[in-house]
Amino acid sequence: MIDPQNVELDAMIEAEKKQVAFEYHSEAWADGISDGIEAEILAETAISTALTELVRLHGEDTVIAMVDGLRERIQHGEFRPDRNLH
């Protein structure tokens, strides 16, 4: 039987890890910009690095499905800088 408290704790731990990862990425991004690396280059290499690691961990078919999901999220405006979070 699944313990709801463990599921909630796992979700909280995952959310905290995501927040820390976001902070790491933000710091690396800011460092790159301050070193004169264009945002487009930083973005392309970040995506490339992430996709390479995901393919290594999960295989191409899984990553293709993930990228298809990202396409839909982009089309729905999830990544627009001016999106309304309310």
PDB file of N, CA and C in Angstrom:
ATOM      1  N   MET A   1       0.839  -1.178   0.000  1.00  0.00           N
ATOM      2  CA  MET A   1       0.000   0.000   0.000  1.00  0.00           C
ATOM      3  C   MET A   1       0.888   1.247   0.000  1.00  0.00           C
ATOM      4  N   ILE A   2       0.475   2.248  -0.747  1.00  0.00           N
ATOM      5  CA  ILE A   2       1.248   3.489  -0.863  1.00  0.00           C
ATOM      6  C   ILE A   2       0.926   4.397   0.320  1.00  0.00           C
ATOM      7  N   ASP A   3       1.964   4.864   0.979  1.00  0.00           N
ATOM      8  CA  ASP A   3       1.814   5.760   2.121  1.00  0.00           C
ATOM      9  C   ASP A   3       1.723   7.198   1.612  1.00  0.00           C
ATOM     10  N   PRO A   4       0.569   7.851   1.791  1.00  0.00           N
ATOM     11  CA  PRO A   4       0.401   9.228   1.302  1.00  0.00           C
ATOM     12  C   PRO A   4       1.433  10.202   1.878  1.00  0.00           C
ATOM     13  N   GLN A   5       1.881   9.970   3.093  1.00  0.00           N
ATOM     14  CA  GLN A   5       2.886  10.851   3.688  1.00  0.00           C
ATOM     15  C   GLN A   5       4.215  10.730   2.957  1.00  0.00           C
ATOM     16  N   ASN A   6       4.590   9.503   2.575  1.00  0.00           N
ATOM     17  CA  ASN A   6       5.824   9.312   1.815  1.00  0.00           C
ATOM     18  C   ASN A   6       5.734   9.954   0.437  1.00  0.00           C
ATOM     19  N   VAL A   7       4.583   9.843  -0.198  1.00  0.00           N
ATOM     20  CA  VAL A   7       4.384  10.442  -1.520  1.00  0.00           C
ATOM     21  C   VAL A   7       4.514  11.957  -1.408  1.00  0.00           C
ATOM     22  N   GLU A   8       3.902  12.534  -0.384  1.00  0.00           N
ATOM     23  CA  GLU A   8       3.980  13.982  -0.176  1.00  0.00           C
ATOM     24  C   GLU A   8       5.419  14.410   0.125  1.00  0.00           C
ATOM     25  N   LEU A   9       6.110  13.653   0.963  1.00  0.00           N
ATOM     26  CA  LEU A   9       7.504  13.963   1.288  1.00  0.00           C
ATOM     27  C   LEU A   9       8.376  13.868   0.042  1.00  0.00           C
ATOM     28  N   ASP A  10       8.173  12.827  -0.759  1.00  0.00           N
ATOM     29  CA  ASP A  10       8.935  12.683  -2.000  1.00  0.00           C
ATOM     30  C   ASP A  10       8.690  13.872  -2.931  1.00  0.00           C
ATOM     31  N   ALA A  11       7.449  14.325  -3.023  1.00  0.00           N
ATOM     32  CA  ALA A  11       7.119  15.473  -3.871  1.00  0.00           C
ATOM     33  C   ALA A  11       7.803  16.737  -3.355  1.00  0.00           C
ATOM     34  N   MET A  12       7.843  16.915  -2.044  1.00  0.00           N
ATOM     35  CA  MET A  12       8.505  18.082  -1.457  1.00  0.00           C
ATOM     36  C   MET A  12      10.010  18.036  -1.720  1.00  0.00           C
ATOM     37  N   ILE A  13      10.608  16.877  -1.588  1.00  0.00           N
ATOM     38  CA  ILE A  13      12.042  16.723  -1.844  1.00  0.00           C
ATOM     39  C   ILE A  13      12.348  17.013  -3.307  1.00  0.00           C
ATOM     40  N   GLU A  14      11.528  16.488  -4.198  1.00  0.00           N
ATOM     41  CA  GLU A  14      11.732  16.744  -5.626  1.00  0.00           C
ATOM     42  C   GLU A  14      11.598  18.229  -5.942  1.00  0.00           C
ATOM     43  N   ALA A  15      10.607  18.898  -5.362  1.00  0.00           N
ATOM     44  CA  ALA A  15      10.426  20.335  -5.595  1.00  0.00           C
ATOM     45  C   ALA A  15      11.630  21.126  -5.091  1.00  0.00           C
ATOM     46  N   GLU A  16      12.167  20.734  -3.945  1.00  0.00           N
ATOM     47  CA  GLU A  16      13.348  21.413  -3.406  1.00  0.00           C
ATOM     48  C   GLU A  16      14.559  21.194  -4.306  1.00  0.00           C
ATOM     49  N   LYS A  17      14.743  19.974  -4.797  1.00  0.00           N
ATOM     50  CA  LYS A  17      15.855  19.685  -5.703  1.00  0.00           C
ATOM     51  C   LYS A  17      15.729  20.514  -6.988  1.00  0.00           C
ATOM     52  N   LYS A  18      14.511  20.631  -7.492  1.00  0.00           N
ATOM     53  CA  LYS A  18      14.290  21.429  -8.705  1.00  0.00           C
ATOM     54  C   LYS A  18      14.618  22.893  -8.461  1.00  0.00           C
ATOM     55  N   GLN A  19      14.266  23.397  -7.295  1.00  0.00           N
ATOM     56  CA  GLN A  19      14.573  24.789  -6.965  1.00  0.00           C
ATOM     57  C   GLN A  19      16.078  25.009  -6.885  1.00  0.00           C
ATOM     58  N   VAL A  20      16.793  24.096  -6.253  1.00  0.00           N
ATOM     59  CA  VAL A  20      18.249  24.203  -6.146  1.00  0.00           C
ATOM     60  C   VAL A  20      18.880  24.098  -7.535  1.00  0.00           C
ATOM     61  N   ALA A  21      18.396  23.167  -8.350  1.00  0.00           N
ATOM     62  CA  ALA A  21      18.921  23.026  -9.714  1.00  0.00           C
ATOM     63  C   ALA A  21      18.686  24.306 -10.504  1.00  0.00           C
ATOM     64  N   PHE A  22      17.510  24.902 -10.351  1.00  0.00           N
ATOM     65  CA  PHE A  22      17.206  26.168 -11.025  1.00  0.00           C
ATOM     66  C   PHE A  22      18.199  27.250 -10.599  1.00  0.00           C
ATOM     67  N   GLU A  23      18.504  27.295  -9.314  1.00  0.00           N
ATOM     68  CA  GLU A  23      19.456  28.292  -8.813  1.00  0.00           C
ATOM     69  C   GLU A  23      20.851  28.055  -9.391  1.00  0.00           C
ATOM     70  N   TYR A  24      21.286  26.790  -9.484  1.00  0.00           N
ATOM     71  CA  TYR A  24      22.577  26.463 -10.092  1.00  0.00           C
ATOM     72  C   TYR A  24      22.618  26.923 -11.550  1.00  0.00           C
ATOM     73  N   HIS A  25      21.561  26.605 -12.278  1.00  0.00           N
ATOM     74  CA  HIS A  25      21.505  26.985 -13.686  1.00  0.00           C
ATOM     75  C   HIS A  25      21.492  28.503 -13.846  1.00  0.00           C
ATOM     76  N   SER A  26      20.746  29.173 -13.015  1.00  0.00           N
ATOM     77  CA  SER A  26      20.676  30.639 -13.086  1.00  0.00           C
ATOM     78  C   SER A  26      22.036  31.267 -12.833  1.00  0.00           C
ATOM     79  N   GLU A  27      22.761  30.735 -11.873  1.00  0.00           N
ATOM     80  CA  GLU A  27      24.094  31.253 -11.567  1.00  0.00           C
ATOM     81  C   GLU A  27      25.055  31.005 -12.728  1.00  0.00           C
ATOM     82  N   ALA A  28      25.023  29.803 -13.295  1.00  0.00           N
ATOM     83  CA  ALA A  28      25.889  29.485 -14.435  1.00  0.00           C
ATOM     84  C   ALA A  28      25.527  30.368 -15.630  1.00  0.00           C
ATOM     85  N   TRP A  29      24.243  30.595 -15.840  1.00  0.00           N
ATOM     86  CA  TRP A  29      23.780  31.438 -16.940  1.00  0.00           C
ATOM     87  C   TRP A  29      24.311  32.863 -16.760  1.00  0.00           C
ATOM     88  N   ALA A  30      24.161  33.391 -15.565  1.00  0.00           N
ATOM     89  CA  ALA A  30      24.638  34.752 -15.293  1.00  0.00           C
ATOM     90  C   ALA A  30      26.152  34.856 -15.479  1.00  0.00           C
ATOM     91  N   ASP A  31      26.875  33.831 -15.054  1.00  0.00           N
ATOM     92  CA  ASP A  31      28.331  33.818 -15.246  1.00  0.00           C
ATOM     93  C   ASP A  31      28.679  33.826 -16.733  1.00  0.00           C
ATOM     94  N   GLY A  32      27.988  33.035 -17.506  1.00  0.00           N
ATOM     95  CA  GLY A  32      28.241  32.982 -18.946  1.00  0.00           C
ATOM     96  C   GLY A  32      27.964  34.316 -19.616  1.00  0.00           C
ATOM     97  N   ILE A  33      26.844  34.931 -19.269  1.00  0.00           N
ATOM     98  CA  ILE A  33      26.493  36.248 -19.830  1.00  0.00           C
ATOM     99  C   ILE A  33      27.558  37.273 -19.451  1.00  0.00           C
ATOM    100  N   SER A  34      27.989  37.265 -18.199  1.00  0.00           N
ATOM    101  CA  SER A  34      28.993  38.244 -17.761  1.00  0.00           C
ATOM    102  C   SER A  34      30.346  37.991 -18.421  1.00  0.00           C
ATOM    103  N   ASP A  35      30.589  36.767 -18.886  1.00  0.00           N
ATOM    104  CA  ASP A  35      31.819  36.453 -19.614  1.00  0.00           C
ATOM    105  C   ASP A  35      31.689  36.746 -21.113  1.00  0.00           C
ATOM    106  N   GLY A  36      30.541  37.268 -21.530  1.00  0.00           N
ATOM    107  CA  GLY A  36      30.355  37.660 -22.923  1.00  0.00           C
ATOM    108  C   GLY A  36      29.788  36.593 -23.825  1.00  0.00           C
ATOM    109  N   ILE A  37      29.283  35.507 -23.275  1.00  0.00           N
ATOM    110  CA  ILE A  37      28.676  34.455 -24.094  1.00  0.00           C
ATOM    111  C   ILE A  37      27.216  34.835 -24.352  1.00  0.00           C
ATOM    112  N   GLU A  38      26.832  34.823 -25.614  1.00  0.00           N
ATOM    113  CA  GLU A  38      25.471  35.203 -25.980  1.00  0.00           C
ATOM    114  C   GLU A  38      24.454  34.207 -25.426  1.00  0.00           C
ATOM    115  N   ALA A  39      23.270  34.714 -25.107  1.00  0.00           N
ATOM    116  CA  ALA A  39      22.199  33.887 -24.544  1.00  0.00           C
ATOM    117  C   ALA A  39      21.847  32.719 -25.463  1.00  0.00           C
ATOM    118  N   GLU A  40      21.862  32.946 -26.781  1.00  0.00           N
ATOM    119  CA  GLU A  40      21.519  31.881 -27.719  1.00  0.00           C
ATOM    120  C   GLU A  40      22.514  30.720 -27.626  1.00  0.00           C
ATOM    121  N   ILE A  41      23.797  31.047 -27.444  1.00  0.00           N
ATOM    122  CA  ILE A  41      24.818  30.000 -27.321  1.00  0.00           C
ATOM    123  C   ILE A  41      24.640  29.250 -26.008  1.00  0.00           C
ATOM    124  N   LEU A  42      24.399  29.974 -24.935  1.00  0.00           N
ATOM    125  CA  LEU A  42      24.159  29.327 -23.641  1.00  0.00           C
ATOM    126  C   LEU A  42      22.942  28.407 -23.720  1.00  0.00           C
ATOM    127  N   ALA A  43      21.875  28.882 -24.342  1.00  0.00           N
ATOM    128  CA  ALA A  43      20.643  28.093 -24.437  1.00  0.00           C
ATOM    129  C   ALA A  43      20.858  26.832 -25.267  1.00  0.00           C
ATOM    130  N   GLU A  44      21.500  26.985 -26.427  1.00  0.00           N
ATOM    131  CA  GLU A  44      21.703  25.820 -27.286  1.00  0.00           C
ATOM    132  C   GLU A  44      22.578  24.771 -26.616  1.00  0.00           C
ATOM    133  N   THR A  45      23.637  25.205 -25.936  1.00  0.00           N
ATOM    134  CA  THR A  45      24.500  24.218 -25.281  1.00  0.00           C
ATOM    135  C   THR A  45      23.815  23.590 -24.070  1.00  0.00           C
ATOM    136  N   ALA A  46      22.990  24.342 -23.369  1.00  0.00           N
ATOM    137  CA  ALA A  46      22.248  23.772 -22.238  1.00  0.00           C
ATOM    138  C   ALA A  46      21.275  22.701 -22.720  1.00  0.00           C
ATOM    139  N   ILE A  47      20.570  22.995 -23.813  1.00  0.00           N
ATOM    140  CA  ILE A  47      19.623  22.019 -24.364  1.00  0.00           C
ATOM    141  C   ILE A  47      20.367  20.783 -24.859  1.00  0.00           C
ATOM    142  N   SER A  48      21.476  21.004 -25.563  1.00  0.00           N
ATOM    143  CA  SER A  48      22.277  19.886 -26.075  1.00  0.00           C
ATOM    144  C   SER A  48      22.790  18.991 -24.948  1.00  0.00           C
ATOM    145  N   THR A  49      23.313  19.614 -23.915  1.00  0.00           N
ATOM    146  CA  THR A  49      23.829  18.862 -22.769  1.00  0.00           C
ATOM    147  C   THR A  49      22.708  18.064 -22.104  1.00  0.00           C
ATOM    148  N   ALA A  50      21.567  18.713 -21.910  1.00  0.00           N
ATOM    149  CA  ALA A  50      20.433  18.044 -21.270  1.00  0.00           C
ATOM    150  C   ALA A  50      19.942  16.868 -22.112  1.00  0.00           C
ATOM    151  N   LEU A  51      19.785  17.076 -23.414  1.00  0.00           N
ATOM    152  CA  LEU A  51      19.293  15.998 -24.271  1.00  0.00           C
ATOM    153  C   LEU A  51      20.271  14.824 -24.318  1.00  0.00           C
ATOM    154  N   THR A  52      21.555  15.119 -24.370  1.00  0.00           N
ATOM    155  CA  THR A  52      22.563  14.057 -24.378  1.00  0.00           C
ATOM    156  C   THR A  52      22.457  13.208 -23.110  1.00  0.00           C
ATOM    157  N   GLU A  53      22.327  13.868 -21.978  1.00  0.00           N
ATOM    158  CA  GLU A  53      22.220  13.145 -20.707  1.00  0.00           C
ATOM    159  C   GLU A  53      20.918  12.348 -20.628  1.00  0.00           C
ATOM    160  N   LEU A  54      19.824  12.937 -21.077  1.00  0.00           N
ATOM    161  CA  LEU A  54      18.540  12.232 -21.048  1.00  0.00           C
ATOM    162  C   LEU A  54      18.554  11.009 -21.959  1.00  0.00           C
ATOM    163  N   VAL A  55      19.157  11.131 -23.146  1.00  0.00           N
ATOM    164  CA  VAL A  55      19.252   9.972 -24.043  1.00  0.00           C
ATOM    165  C   VAL A  55      20.104   8.890 -23.398  1.00  0.00           C
ATOM    166  N   ARG A  56      21.194   9.291 -22.756  1.00  0.00           N
ATOM    167  CA  ARG A  56      22.047   8.305 -22.071  1.00  0.00           C
ATOM    168  C   ARG A  56      21.263   7.567 -20.988  1.00  0.00           C
ATOM    169  N   LEU A  57      20.448   8.289 -20.244  1.00  0.00           N
ATOM    170  CA  LEU A  57      19.715   7.694 -19.127  1.00  0.00           C
ATOM    171  C   LEU A  57      18.473   6.914 -19.550  1.00  0.00           C
ATOM    172  N   HIS A  58      17.748   7.434 -20.559  1.00  0.00           N
ATOM    173  CA  HIS A  58      16.418   6.886 -20.856  1.00  0.00           C
ATOM    174  C   HIS A  58      16.232   6.363 -22.272  1.00  0.00           C
ATOM    175  N   GLY A  59      17.173   6.640 -23.168  1.00  0.00           N
ATOM    176  CA  GLY A  59      17.042   6.189 -24.550  1.00  0.00           C
ATOM    177  C   GLY A  59      16.352   7.212 -25.438  1.00  0.00           C
ATOM    178  N   GLU A  60      16.573   7.043 -26.724  1.00  0.00           N
ATOM    179  CA  GLU A  60      16.084   8.016 -27.696  1.00  0.00           C
ATOM    180  C   GLU A  60      14.567   8.100 -27.763  1.00  0.00           C
ATOM    181  N   ASP A  61      13.874   6.978 -27.725  1.00  0.00           N
ATOM    182  CA  ASP A  61      12.413   7.002 -27.866  1.00  0.00           C
ATOM    183  C   ASP A  61      11.756   7.796 -26.743  1.00  0.00           C
ATOM    184  N   THR A  62      12.218   7.595 -25.527  1.00  0.00           N
ATOM    185  CA  THR A  62      11.661   8.326 -24.385  1.00  0.00           C
ATOM    186  C   THR A  62      11.921   9.822 -24.524  1.00  0.00           C
ATOM    187  N   VAL A  63      13.123  10.182 -24.961  1.00  0.00           N
ATOM    188  CA  VAL A  63      13.474  11.597 -25.094  1.00  0.00           C
ATOM    189  C   VAL A  63      12.692  12.235 -26.240  1.00  0.00           C
ATOM    190  N   ILE A  64      12.482  11.506 -27.318  1.00  0.00           N
ATOM    191  CA  ILE A  64      11.669  12.028 -28.418  1.00  0.00           C
ATOM    192  C   ILE A  64      10.253  12.332 -27.919  1.00  0.00           C
ATOM    193  N   ALA A  65       9.692  11.442 -27.121  1.00  0.00           N
ATOM    194  CA  ALA A  65       8.356  11.681 -26.557  1.00  0.00           C
ATOM    195  C   ALA A  65       8.367  12.914 -25.652  1.00  0.00           C
ATOM    196  N   MET A  66       9.446  13.071 -24.883  1.00  0.00           N
ATOM    197  CA  MET A  66       9.565  14.227 -23.998  1.00  0.00           C
ATOM    198  C   MET A  66       9.641  15.519 -24.816  1.00  0.00           C
ATOM    199  N   VAL A  67      10.423  15.491 -25.883  1.00  0.00           N
ATOM    200  CA  VAL A  67      10.562  16.670 -26.743  1.00  0.00           C
ATOM    201  C   VAL A  67       9.223  16.995 -27.408  1.00  0.00           C
ATOM    202  N   ASP A  68       8.475  15.992 -27.804  1.00  0.00           N
ATOM    203  CA  ASP A  68       7.145  16.230 -28.365  1.00  0.00           C
ATOM    204  C   ASP A  68       6.253  16.927 -27.342  1.00  0.00           C
ATOM    205  N   GLY A  69       6.360  16.505 -26.080  1.00  0.00           N
ATOM    206  CA  GLY A  69       5.601  17.163 -25.018  1.00  0.00           C
ATOM    207  C   GLY A  69       6.039  18.605 -24.828  1.00  0.00           C
ATOM    208  N   LEU A  70       7.337  18.852 -24.947  1.00  0.00           N
ATOM    209  CA  LEU A  70       7.840  20.225 -24.845  1.00  0.00           C
ATOM    210  C   LEU A  70       7.307  21.089 -25.982  1.00  0.00           C
ATOM    211  N   ARG A  71       7.222  20.506 -27.171  1.00  0.00           N
ATOM    212  CA  ARG A  71       6.674  21.243 -28.318  1.00  0.00           C
ATOM    213  C   ARG A  71       5.261  21.740 -27.999  1.00  0.00           C
ATOM    214  N   GLU A  72       4.450  20.873 -27.451  1.00  0.00           N
ATOM    215  CA  GLU A  72       3.078  21.251 -27.094  1.00  0.00           C
ATOM    216  C   GLU A  72       3.071  22.339 -26.022  1.00  0.00           C
ATOM    217  N   ARG A  73       3.937  22.227 -25.036  1.00  0.00           N
ATOM    218  CA  ARG A  73       4.005  23.228 -23.975  1.00  0.00           C
ATOM    219  C   ARG A  73       4.441  24.582 -24.528  1.00  0.00           C
ATOM    220  N   ILE A  74       5.384  24.568 -25.478  1.00  0.00           N
ATOM    221  CA  ILE A  74       5.815  25.806 -26.125  1.00  0.00           C
ATOM    222  C   ILE A  74       4.648  26.411 -26.890  1.00  0.00           C
ATOM    223  N   GLN A  75       3.937  25.582 -27.651  1.00  0.00           N
ATOM    224  CA  GLN A  75       2.814  26.070 -28.443  1.00  0.00           C
ATOM    225  C   GLN A  75       1.698  26.644 -27.572  1.00  0.00           C
ATOM    226  N   HIS A  76       1.584  26.165 -26.350  1.00  0.00           N
ATOM    227  CA  HIS A  76       0.567  26.678 -25.429  1.00  0.00           C
ATOM    228  C   HIS A  76       1.066  27.862 -24.608  1.00  0.00           C
ATOM    229  N   GLY A  77       2.289  28.321 -24.888  1.00  0.00           N
ATOM    230  CA  GLY A  77       2.789  29.537 -24.268  1.00  0.00           C
ATOM    231  C   GLY A  77       3.407  29.378 -22.898  1.00  0.00           C
ATOM    232  N   GLU A  78       3.688  28.160 -22.491  1.00  0.00           N
ATOM    233  CA  GLU A  78       4.207  27.935 -21.141  1.00  0.00           C
ATOM    234  C   GLU A  78       5.545  28.621 -20.892  1.00  0.00           C
ATOM    235  N   PHE A  79       6.332  28.828 -21.936  1.00  0.00           N
ATOM    236  CA  PHE A  79       7.669  29.375 -21.747  1.00  0.00           C
ATOM    237  C   PHE A  79       7.786  30.843 -22.142  1.00  0.00           C
ATOM    238  N   ARG A  80       6.680  31.484 -22.455  1.00  0.00           N
ATOM    239  CA  ARG A  80       6.704  32.910 -22.788  1.00  0.00           C
ATOM    240  C   ARG A  80       7.109  33.712 -21.552  1.00  0.00           C
ATOM    241  N   PRO A  81       8.009  34.668 -21.744  1.00  0.00           N
ATOM    242  CA  PRO A  81       8.426  35.477 -20.592  1.00  0.00           C
ATOM    243  C   PRO A  81       7.309  36.348 -20.039  1.00  0.00           C
ATOM    244  N   ASP A  82       6.304  36.641 -20.848  1.00  0.00           N
ATOM    245  CA  ASP A  82       5.211  37.515 -20.403  1.00  0.00           C
ATOM    246  C   ASP A  82       3.963  36.759 -19.993  1.00  0.00           C
ATOM    247  N   ARG A  83       4.095  35.429 -19.802  1.00  0.00           N
ATOM    248  CA  ARG A  83       2.909  34.635 -19.456  1.00  0.00           C
ATOM    249  C   ARG A  83       2.378  35.025 -18.083  1.00  0.00           C
ATOM    250  N   ASN A  84       1.090  34.869 -17.919  1.00  0.00           N
ATOM    251  CA  ASN A  84       0.426  35.195 -16.666  1.00  0.00           C
ATOM    252  C   ASN A  84       0.371  33.940 -15.808  1.00  0.00           C
ATOM    253  N   LEU A  85       0.945  34.004 -14.610  1.00  0.00           N
ATOM    254  CA  LEU A  85       1.004  32.836 -13.718  1.00  0.00           C
ATOM    255  C   LEU A  85      -0.203  32.727 -12.798  1.00  0.00           C
ATOM    256  N   HIS A  86      -1.157  33.602 -12.930  1.00  0.00           N
ATOM    257  CA  HIS A  86      -2.339  33.567 -12.048  1.00  0.00           C
ATOM    258  C   HIS A  86      -3.410  32.698 -12.594  1.00  0.00           C
TER     259      HIS A  86
END
